[in-house]
Amino acid sequence: MWGCEELRELRKLGELRELRELRNKRELIAIGYKAQEIPPKISPHPGLPIRETRHG
């Protein structure tokens, strides 16, 4: 049987795990958003020159 203190500790650990999972998801979303802003450095058509673009 779990005591009140152990249950509180388990609940706190569960909340911390949920927060960590949310932070990881937020980081993945931010990385994906940034990846959309950056033009690809490889040419989709081999043999054609790569165009340099600037986003300001």
PDB file of N, CA and C in Angstrom:
ATOM      1  N   MET A   1       0.843  -1.186   0.000  1.00  0.00           N
ATOM      2  CA  MET A   1       0.000   0.000   0.000  1.00  0.00           C
ATOM      3  C   MET A   1       0.887   1.249   0.000  1.00  0.00           C
ATOM      4  N   TRP A   2       0.499   2.209  -0.782  1.00  0.00           N
ATOM      5  CA  TRP A   2       1.270   3.444  -0.897  1.00  0.00           C
ATOM      6  C   TRP A   2       0.846   4.421   0.195  1.00  0.00           C
ATOM      7  N   GLY A   3       1.823   5.144   0.730  1.00  0.00           N
ATOM      8  CA  GLY A   3       1.524   6.190   1.684  1.00  0.00           C
ATOM      9  C   GLY A   3       1.247   7.494   0.961  1.00  0.00           C
ATOM     10  N   CYS A   4       0.717   8.454   1.696  1.00  0.00           N
ATOM     11  CA  CYS A   4       0.380   9.762   1.104  1.00  0.00           C
ATOM     12  C   CYS A   4       1.611  10.439   0.509  1.00  0.00           C
ATOM     13  N   GLU A   5       2.728  10.341   1.199  1.00  0.00           N
ATOM     14  CA  GLU A   5       3.960  10.993   0.731  1.00  0.00           C
ATOM     15  C   GLU A   5       4.438  10.374  -0.578  1.00  0.00           C
ATOM     16  N   GLU A   6       4.382   9.040  -0.662  1.00  0.00           N
ATOM     17  CA  GLU A   6       4.803   8.365  -1.891  1.00  0.00           C
ATOM     18  C   GLU A   6       3.894   8.723  -3.056  1.00  0.00           C
ATOM     19  N   LEU A   7       2.588   8.790  -2.798  1.00  0.00           N
ATOM     20  CA  LEU A   7       1.644   9.151  -3.854  1.00  0.00           C
ATOM     21  C   LEU A   7       1.892  10.569  -4.351  1.00  0.00           C
ATOM     22  N   ARG A   8       2.182  11.480  -3.422  1.00  0.00           N
ATOM     23  CA  ARG A   8       2.493  12.861  -3.814  1.00  0.00           C
ATOM     24  C   ARG A   8       3.734  12.898  -4.697  1.00  0.00           C
ATOM     25  N   GLU A   9       4.734  12.127  -4.308  1.00  0.00           N
ATOM     26  CA  GLU A   9       5.990  12.089  -5.068  1.00  0.00           C
ATOM     27  C   GLU A   9       5.756  11.507  -6.465  1.00  0.00           C
ATOM     28  N   LEU A  10       4.974  10.433  -6.549  1.00  0.00           N
ATOM     29  CA  LEU A  10       4.662   9.838  -7.851  1.00  0.00           C
ATOM     30  C   LEU A  10       3.885  10.810  -8.724  1.00  0.00           C
ATOM     31  N   ARG A  11       2.948  11.521  -8.134  1.00  0.00           N
ATOM     32  CA  ARG A  11       2.158  12.500  -8.885  1.00  0.00           C
ATOM     33  C   ARG A  11       3.061  13.604  -9.415  1.00  0.00           C
ATOM     34  N   LYS A  12       3.987  14.062  -8.571  1.00  0.00           N
ATOM     35  CA  LYS A  12       4.916  15.116  -8.980  1.00  0.00           C
ATOM     36  C   LYS A  12       5.804  14.630 -10.126  1.00  0.00           C
ATOM     37  N   LEU A  13       6.281  13.382 -10.033  1.00  0.00           N
ATOM     38  CA  LEU A  13       7.115  12.824 -11.100  1.00  0.00           C
ATOM     39  C   LEU A  13       6.329  12.698 -12.401  1.00  0.00           C
ATOM     40  N   GLY A  14       5.059  12.316 -12.301  1.00  0.00           N
ATOM     41  CA  GLY A  14       4.212  12.228 -13.491  1.00  0.00           C
ATOM     42  C   GLY A  14       4.021  13.584 -14.137  1.00  0.00           C
ATOM     43  N   GLU A  15       3.814  14.618 -13.314  1.00  0.00           N
ATOM     44  CA  GLU A  15       3.653  15.973 -13.852  1.00  0.00           C
ATOM     45  C   GLU A  15       4.939  16.440 -14.524  1.00  0.00           C
ATOM     46  N   LEU A  16       6.082  16.131 -13.908  1.00  0.00           N
ATOM     47  CA  LEU A  16       7.362  16.513 -14.514  1.00  0.00           C
ATOM     48  C   LEU A  16       7.569  15.802 -15.845  1.00  0.00           C
ATOM     49  N   ARG A  17       7.181  14.521 -15.916  1.00  0.00           N
ATOM     50  CA  ARG A  17       7.313  13.774 -17.164  1.00  0.00           C
ATOM     51  C   ARG A  17       6.429  14.391 -18.244  1.00  0.00           C
ATOM     52  N   GLU A  18       5.193  14.767 -17.873  1.00  0.00           N
ATOM     53  CA  GLU A  18       4.291  15.405 -18.836  1.00  0.00           C
ATOM     54  C   GLU A  18       4.864  16.726 -19.331  1.00  0.00           C
ATOM     55  N   LEU A  19       5.438  17.510 -18.424  1.00  0.00           N
ATOM     56  CA  LEU A  19       6.041  18.779 -18.823  1.00  0.00           C
ATOM     57  C   LEU A  19       7.219  18.556 -19.760  1.00  0.00           C
ATOM     58  N   ARG A  20       8.025  17.539 -19.479  1.00  0.00           N
ATOM     59  CA  ARG A  20       9.173  17.227 -20.335  1.00  0.00           C
ATOM     60  C   ARG A  20       8.695  16.800 -21.727  1.00  0.00           C
ATOM     61  N   GLU A  21       7.631  15.994 -21.783  1.00  0.00           N
ATOM     62  CA  GLU A  21       7.089  15.566 -23.074  1.00  0.00           C
ATOM     63  C   GLU A  21       6.554  16.762 -23.859  1.00  0.00           C
ATOM     64  N   LEU A  22       5.873  17.680 -23.175  1.00  0.00           N
ATOM     65  CA  LEU A  22       5.361  18.874 -23.850  1.00  0.00           C
ATOM     66  C   LEU A  22       6.504  19.738 -24.376  1.00  0.00           C
ATOM     67  N   ARG A  23       7.574  19.865 -23.582  1.00  0.00           N
ATOM     68  CA  ARG A  23       8.731  20.654 -24.021  1.00  0.00           C
ATOM     69  C   ARG A  23       9.363  20.024 -25.258  1.00  0.00           C
ATOM     70  N   ASN A  24       9.477  18.697 -25.262  1.00  0.00           N
ATOM     71  CA  ASN A  24      10.042  18.005 -26.425  1.00  0.00           C
ATOM     72  C   ASN A  24       9.183  18.226 -27.659  1.00  0.00           C
ATOM     73  N   LYS A  25       7.866  18.158 -27.507  1.00  0.00           N
ATOM     74  CA  LYS A  25       6.966  18.390 -28.638  1.00  0.00           C
ATOM     75  C   LYS A  25       7.107  19.819 -29.148  1.00  0.00           C
ATOM     76  N   ARG A  26       7.201  20.772 -28.214  1.00  0.00           N
ATOM     77  CA  ARG A  26       7.340  22.174 -28.607  1.00  0.00           C
ATOM     78  C   ARG A  26       8.641  22.386 -29.378  1.00  0.00           C
ATOM     79  N   GLU A  27       9.720  21.740 -28.935  1.00  0.00           N
ATOM     80  CA  GLU A  27      10.997  21.856 -29.641  1.00  0.00           C
ATOM     81  C   GLU A  27      10.898  21.270 -31.047  1.00  0.00           C
ATOM     82  N   LEU A  28      10.232  20.129 -31.188  1.00  0.00           N
ATOM     83  CA  LEU A  28      10.076  19.525 -32.510  1.00  0.00           C
ATOM     84  C   LEU A  28       9.266  20.424 -33.429  1.00  0.00           C
ATOM     85  N   ILE A  29       8.226  21.054 -32.888  1.00  0.00           N
ATOM     86  CA  ILE A  29       7.412  21.972 -33.688  1.00  0.00           C
ATOM     87  C   ILE A  29       8.256  23.160 -34.125  1.00  0.00           C
ATOM     88  N   ALA A  30       9.055  23.711 -33.207  1.00  0.00           N
ATOM     89  CA  ALA A  30       9.904  24.860 -33.535  1.00  0.00           C
ATOM     90  C   ALA A  30      10.937  24.479 -34.588  1.00  0.00           C
ATOM     91  N   ILE A  31      11.517  23.300 -34.467  1.00  0.00           N
ATOM     92  CA  ILE A  31      12.509  22.851 -35.449  1.00  0.00           C
ATOM     93  C   ILE A  31      11.852  22.689 -36.811  1.00  0.00           C
ATOM     94  N   GLY A  32      10.658  22.112 -36.839  1.00  0.00           N
ATOM     95  CA  GLY A  32       9.941  21.942 -38.103  1.00  0.00           C
ATOM     96  C   GLY A  32       9.593  23.268 -38.734  1.00  0.00           C
ATOM     97  N   TYR A  33       9.190  24.236 -37.911  1.00  0.00           N
ATOM     98  CA  TYR A  33       8.848  25.564 -38.421  1.00  0.00           C
ATOM     99  C   TYR A  33      10.082  26.223 -39.019  1.00  0.00           C
ATOM    100  N   LYS A  34      11.212  26.136 -38.316  1.00  0.00           N
ATOM    101  CA  LYS A  34      12.455  26.723 -38.819  1.00  0.00           C
ATOM    102  C   LYS A  34      12.894  26.028 -40.101  1.00  0.00           C
ATOM    103  N   ALA A  35      12.704  24.721 -40.174  1.00  0.00           N
ATOM    104  CA  ALA A  35      13.108  23.975 -41.367  1.00  0.00           C
ATOM    105  C   ALA A  35      12.325  24.443 -42.587  1.00  0.00           C
ATOM    106  N   GLN A  36      11.084  24.869 -42.396  1.00  0.00           N
ATOM    107  CA  GLN A  36      10.289  25.363 -43.513  1.00  0.00           C
ATOM    108  C   GLN A  36      10.811  26.703 -44.015  1.00  0.00           C
ATOM    109  N   GLU A  37      11.413  27.496 -43.123  1.00  0.00           N
ATOM    110  CA  GLU A  37      11.911  28.819 -43.494  1.00  0.00           C
ATOM    111  C   GLU A  37      13.232  28.746 -44.258  1.00  0.00           C
ATOM    112  N   ILE A  38      13.999  27.693 -44.053  1.00  0.00           N
ATOM    113  CA  ILE A  38      15.333  27.583 -44.639  1.00  0.00           C
ATOM    114  C   ILE A  38      15.233  26.878 -45.987  1.00  0.00           C
ATOM    115  N   PRO A  39      15.692  27.526 -47.057  1.00  0.00           N
ATOM    116  CA  PRO A  39      15.635  26.870 -48.363  1.00  0.00           C
ATOM    117  C   PRO A  39      16.600  25.684 -48.403  1.00  0.00           C
ATOM    118  N   PRO A  40      16.268  24.651 -49.152  1.00  0.00           N
ATOM    119  CA  PRO A  40      17.160  23.490 -49.216  1.00  0.00           C
ATOM    120  C   PRO A  40      18.491  23.853 -49.866  1.00  0.00           C
ATOM    121  N   LYS A  41      19.555  23.236 -49.389  1.00  0.00           N
ATOM    122  CA  LYS A  41      20.897  23.493 -49.922  1.00  0.00           C
ATOM    123  C   LYS A  41      21.253  22.525 -51.038  1.00  0.00           C
ATOM    124  N   ILE A  42      20.441  21.487 -51.218  1.00  0.00           N
ATOM    125  CA  ILE A  42      20.715  20.543 -52.296  1.00  0.00           C
ATOM    126  C   ILE A  42      19.715  20.780 -53.415  1.00  0.00           C
ATOM    127  N   SER A  43      20.151  20.590 -54.615  1.00  0.00           N
ATOM    128  CA  SER A  43      19.296  20.808 -55.770  1.00  0.00           C
ATOM    129  C   SER A  43      18.379  19.608 -55.970  1.00  0.00           C
ATOM    130  N   PRO A  44      17.086  19.857 -56.174  1.00  0.00           N
ATOM    131  CA  PRO A  44      16.186  18.734 -56.448  1.00  0.00           C
ATOM    132  C   PRO A  44      16.442  18.149 -57.831  1.00  0.00           C
ATOM    133  N   HIS A  45      17.176  18.889 -58.680  1.00  0.00           N
ATOM    134  CA  HIS A  45      17.503  18.442 -60.032  1.00  0.00           C
ATOM    135  C   HIS A  45      19.020  18.372 -60.158  1.00  0.00           C
ATOM    136  N   PRO A  46      19.593  17.175 -60.105  1.00  0.00           N
ATOM    137  CA  PRO A  46      21.058  17.052 -60.199  1.00  0.00           C
ATOM    138  C   PRO A  46      21.586  17.672 -61.494  1.00  0.00           C
ATOM    139  N   GLY A  47      22.697  18.347 -61.382  1.00  0.00           N
ATOM    140  CA  GLY A  47      23.316  18.961 -62.548  1.00  0.00           C
ATOM    141  C   GLY A  47      22.974  20.434 -62.699  1.00  0.00           C
ATOM    142  N   LEU A  48      21.906  20.887 -62.062  1.00  0.00           N
ATOM    143  CA  LEU A  48      21.540  22.303 -62.134  1.00  0.00           C
ATOM    144  C   LEU A  48      22.204  23.043 -60.983  1.00  0.00           C
ATOM    145  N   PRO A  49      22.603  24.299 -61.204  1.00  0.00           N
ATOM    146  CA  PRO A  49      23.238  25.056 -60.119  1.00  0.00           C
ATOM    147  C   PRO A  49      22.233  25.355 -59.007  1.00  0.00           C
ATOM    148  N   ILE A  50      22.760  25.468 -57.799  1.00  0.00           N
ATOM    149  CA  ILE A  50      21.932  25.802 -56.639  1.00  0.00           C
ATOM    150  C   ILE A  50      21.812  27.312 -56.549  1.00  0.00           C
ATOM    151  N   ARG A  51      20.574  27.787 -56.442  1.00  0.00           N
ATOM    152  CA  ARG A  51      20.335  29.219 -56.312  1.00  0.00           C
ATOM    153  C   ARG A  51      20.441  29.616 -54.847  1.00  0.00           C
ATOM    154  N   GLU A  52      21.175  30.666 -54.589  1.00  0.00           N
ATOM    155  CA  GLU A  52      21.258  31.204 -53.237  1.00  0.00           C
ATOM    156  C   GLU A  52      20.153  32.233 -53.068  1.00  0.00           C
ATOM    157  N   THR A  53      19.382  32.101 -52.003  1.00  0.00           N
ATOM    158  CA  THR A  53      18.320  33.069 -51.726  1.00  0.00           C
ATOM    159  C   THR A  53      18.543  33.650 -50.349  1.00  0.00           C
ATOM    160  N   ARG A  54      18.080  34.837 -50.167  1.00  0.00           N
ATOM    161  CA  ARG A  54      18.186  35.506 -48.869  1.00  0.00           C
ATOM    162  C   ARG A  54      16.801  35.788 -48.342  1.00  0.00           C
ATOM    163  N   HIS A  55      16.613  35.489 -47.084  1.00  0.00           N
ATOM    164  CA  HIS A  55      15.359  35.809 -46.399  1.00  0.00           C
ATOM    165  C   HIS A  55      15.685  36.867 -45.367  1.00  0.00           C
ATOM    166  N   GLY A  56      14.990  37.961 -45.410  1.00  0.00           N
ATOM    167  CA  GLY A  56      15.339  39.031 -44.493  1.00  0.00           C
ATOM    168  C   GLY A  56      14.292  39.449 -43.588  1.00  0.00           C
TER     169      GLY A  56
END
